[in-house]
Amino acid sequence: MKDEQVIAEAEFNPAVKTYWLLSGAVIFVVTIIGIPLLIFWFAIGLWATGRYLANMSATLTTRRLIVKRGIFVRVEKTVPLDKITDLGMVEGPIMRALNVQKLTVETAGQSGAGALVGLTGVIDAQGFREKTLAARDAMIESAAPAATPAEAPAATDDRVVALLGTISASLQRIEERLGRD
């Protein structure tokens, strides 16, 4: 990792603490049973959201995206740039009011629903997203083998013809078997 350079460090909007507090409060209110616990939520939530925000970081290098977060259990996720398929942006009504956005990182080969990594509260989330996608594209382009235009078609034409012949023969066998039934 000596050849890696840091491209960008994400900074986080302090308003994300308010968003997290309000989100928790909504859950307490919806459950009705949690309404009396709101006072405790705001007291503990102020401390917890501050600590969580202080422990959050996202570093974009020339080869990967490194995300760290957590209070009691610290989590570090490293996402190779060439595995990133999309960086989504989420912005709900409360988020818009607080000028908070969430970046979601989706990768190739990711199991389960949802994003692999979510970054809530990144300042200039759109700019960080564009830098990440540009770094991914640059990494993929630099890793792609350069074929000379004169050699590439000649080398692949024979393989393509052979592959099409194999596919055609397979399809004919399938049609014959289907015709028997």
Protein backbone atom coordinates (compact mmCIF):
# COMPACT_ATOMS: atom_id res chain seq x y z
CA MET A 1 0.00 0.00 0.00
CA LYS A 2 3.04 2.22 -0.29
CA ASP A 3 2.01 3.25 -3.81
CA GLU A 4 -1.35 4.55 -2.55
CA GLN A 5 -1.99 8.24 -2.19
CA VAL A 6 -4.81 9.84 -0.23
CA ILE A 7 -7.18 11.60 -2.63
CA ALA A 8 -9.76 12.86 -0.15
CA GLU A 9 -10.79 12.68 3.50
CA ALA A 10 -14.51 13.01 4.15
CA GLU A 11 -15.61 15.64 6.62
CA PHE A 12 -18.89 15.15 8.47
CA ASN A 13 -21.61 17.71 9.09
CA PRO A 14 -22.28 18.19 12.84
CA ALA A 15 -26.00 18.47 11.97
CA VAL A 16 -25.98 14.70 11.48
CA LYS A 17 -26.13 14.39 15.29
CA THR A 18 -29.48 16.21 15.26
CA TYR A 19 -30.69 13.94 12.46
CA TRP A 20 -29.78 10.82 14.45
CA LEU A 21 -31.44 12.21 17.61
CA LEU A 22 -34.64 13.04 15.71
CA SER A 23 -34.65 9.64 13.99
CA GLY A 24 -34.38 7.90 17.36
CA ALA A 25 -37.08 10.12 18.82
CA VAL A 26 -39.45 9.23 15.97
CA ILE A 27 -38.92 5.53 16.71
CA PHE A 28 -39.64 6.08 20.41
CA VAL A 29 -42.81 8.04 19.62
CA VAL A 30 -44.07 5.49 17.09
CA THR A 31 -43.71 2.68 19.60
CA ILE A 32 -45.79 4.72 22.11
CA ILE A 33 -44.20 2.75 24.95
CA GLY A 34 -40.98 4.63 24.27
CA ILE A 35 -42.46 8.11 24.82
CA PRO A 36 -41.47 8.21 28.54
CA LEU A 37 -37.96 7.17 27.52
CA LEU A 38 -37.47 10.23 25.28
CA ILE A 39 -35.84 12.21 28.10
CA PHE A 40 -33.25 9.46 28.57
CA TRP A 41 -32.82 9.14 24.81
CA PHE A 42 -31.91 12.81 24.43
CA ALA A 43 -29.52 12.72 27.40
CA ILE A 44 -27.75 9.54 26.30
CA GLY A 45 -28.23 10.25 22.58
CA LEU A 46 -26.38 13.57 22.75
CA TRP A 47 -23.33 11.82 24.19
CA ALA A 48 -23.59 8.78 21.89
CA THR A 49 -24.06 10.72 18.65
CA GLY A 50 -21.15 13.01 19.51
CA ARG A 51 -18.85 10.05 20.20
CA TYR A 52 -20.03 8.21 17.09
CA LEU A 53 -19.41 11.26 14.89
CA ALA A 54 -15.96 11.76 16.44
CA ASN A 55 -15.05 8.15 15.56
CA MET A 56 -16.30 8.31 11.95
CA SER A 57 -13.88 8.68 9.08
CA ALA A 58 -13.80 7.95 5.39
CA THR A 59 -10.53 8.04 3.45
CA LEU A 60 -10.36 7.77 -0.32
CA THR A 61 -7.05 6.57 -1.70
CA THR A 62 -5.98 5.77 -5.23
CA ARG A 63 -6.87 2.08 -4.66
CA ARG A 64 -9.59 1.88 -1.98
CA LEU A 65 -12.17 3.54 0.23
CA ILE A 66 -11.55 3.06 3.96
CA VAL A 67 -14.47 3.68 6.34
CA LYS A 68 -14.10 3.62 10.14
CA ARG A 69 -16.82 4.10 12.75
CA GLY A 70 -18.23 2.91 16.05
CA ILE A 71 -18.38 3.70 19.75
CA PHE A 72 -17.97 0.46 21.68
CA VAL A 73 -17.44 -1.81 18.71
CA ARG A 74 -15.17 -0.18 16.16
CA VAL A 75 -15.72 -1.24 12.58
CA GLU A 76 -13.36 -0.67 9.66
CA LYS A 77 -14.39 -1.54 6.12
CA THR A 78 -12.04 -1.36 3.18
CA VAL A 79 -13.65 -1.33 -0.23
CA PRO A 80 -11.39 -1.76 -3.28
CA LEU A 81 -12.29 0.91 -5.84
CA ASP A 82 -12.51 -1.59 -8.69
CA LYS A 83 -15.29 -3.43 -6.82
CA ILE A 84 -17.52 -0.35 -6.42
CA THR A 85 -20.49 -0.52 -8.79
CA ASP A 86 -22.44 2.50 -7.55
CA LEU A 87 -22.45 5.30 -5.02
CA GLY A 88 -26.05 6.26 -4.27
CA MET A 89 -27.28 9.40 -2.55
CA VAL A 90 -30.18 9.41 -0.10
CA GLU A 91 -31.80 12.58 1.16
CA GLY A 92 -35.09 12.39 3.06
CA PRO A 93 -37.21 15.36 4.19
CA ILE A 94 -35.55 15.68 7.61
CA MET A 95 -32.16 15.28 5.99
CA ARG A 96 -32.92 18.04 3.48
CA ALA A 97 -34.02 20.36 6.30
CA LEU A 98 -30.71 19.74 8.08
CA ASN A 99 -28.60 19.73 4.87
CA VAL A 100 -27.51 16.12 5.49
CA GLN A 101 -27.01 13.50 2.79
CA LYS A 102 -26.22 9.79 2.95
CA LEU A 103 -23.85 8.11 0.51
CA THR A 104 -24.38 4.40 -0.03
CA VAL A 105 -21.57 2.28 -1.47
CA GLU A 106 -22.62 -0.76 -3.47
CA THR A 107 -20.12 -3.31 -4.69
CA ALA A 108 -19.85 -6.19 -7.12
CA GLY A 109 -20.33 -9.51 -5.40
CA GLN A 110 -22.09 -7.93 -2.45
CA SER A 111 -24.36 -10.34 -0.61
CA GLY A 112 -27.67 -9.34 0.91
CA ALA A 113 -29.90 -6.38 0.33
CA GLY A 114 -28.82 -2.82 0.94
CA ALA A 115 -25.52 -1.04 0.68
CA LEU A 116 -22.20 -2.41 1.90
CA VAL A 117 -21.27 0.93 3.46
CA GLY A 118 -23.40 3.95 4.35
CA LEU A 119 -21.86 7.35 5.06
CA THR A 120 -24.37 9.73 6.63
CA GLY A 121 -23.52 13.40 6.96
CA VAL A 122 -20.60 13.79 4.57
CA ILE A 123 -20.05 17.47 3.83
CA ASP A 124 -20.22 17.98 0.05
CA ALA A 125 -21.42 14.40 -0.43
CA GLN A 126 -21.85 15.00 -4.16
CA GLY A 127 -18.22 16.11 -4.50
CA PHE A 128 -16.95 13.13 -2.47
CA ARG A 129 -19.09 10.84 -4.63
CA GLU A 130 -17.67 12.31 -7.86
CA LYS A 131 -14.07 12.01 -6.57
CA THR A 132 -14.66 8.38 -5.62
CA LEU A 133 -16.20 7.48 -8.98
CA ALA A 134 -13.43 9.33 -10.84
CA ALA A 135 -10.77 7.47 -8.82
CA ARG A 136 -12.53 4.17 -9.55
CA ASP A 137 -12.65 4.92 -13.27
CA ALA A 138 -8.98 5.96 -13.31
CA MET A 139 -7.97 2.76 -11.51
CA ILE A 140 -9.96 0.56 -13.89
CA GLU A 141 -8.54 2.35 -16.96
CA SER A 142 -4.96 2.01 -15.69
CA ALA A 143 -5.47 -1.72 -15.02
CA ALA A 144 -6.97 -2.48 -18.46
CA PRO A 145 -4.48 -4.00 -20.90
CA ALA A 146 -3.79 -1.81 -23.88
CA ALA A 147 -4.29 -3.67 -27.16
CA THR A 148 -3.04 -2.29 -30.39
CA PRO A 149 -5.96 -1.60 -32.75
CA ALA A 150 -4.46 -3.69 -35.58
CA GLU A 151 -3.91 -6.78 -33.39
CA ALA A 152 -7.11 -6.76 -31.34
CA PRO A 153 -9.69 -7.58 -34.06
CA ALA A 154 -7.58 -10.29 -35.69
CA ALA A 155 -6.89 -12.03 -32.38
CA THR A 156 -10.51 -11.99 -31.24
CA ASP A 157 -12.26 -12.77 -34.58
CA ASP A 158 -11.15 -16.42 -34.60
CA ARG A 159 -12.19 -16.88 -30.97
CA VAL A 160 -15.57 -15.26 -31.56
CA VAL A 161 -16.29 -17.45 -34.59
CA ALA A 162 -15.31 -20.59 -32.64
CA LEU A 163 -17.46 -19.56 -29.67
CA LEU A 164 -20.46 -18.80 -31.90
CA GLY A 165 -20.07 -22.21 -33.55
CA THR A 166 -20.12 -23.91 -30.12
CA ILE A 167 -23.19 -21.94 -29.05
CA SER A 168 -24.97 -22.77 -32.31
CA ALA A 169 -24.28 -26.50 -31.91
CA SER A 170 -25.57 -26.38 -28.32
CA LEU A 171 -28.76 -24.63 -29.39
CA GLN A 172 -29.36 -27.20 -32.13
CA ARG A 173 -29.02 -30.04 -29.61
CA ILE A 174 -31.47 -28.29 -27.26
CA GLU A 175 -33.99 -27.78 -30.09
CA GLU A 176 -33.71 -31.46 -31.07
CA ARG A 177 -34.39 -32.59 -27.49
CA LEU A 178 -37.32 -30.22 -27.14
CA GLY A 179 -38.74 -31.49 -30.44
CA ARG A 180 -38.76 -35.06 -29.14
CA ASP A 181 -40.99 -34.28 -26.15
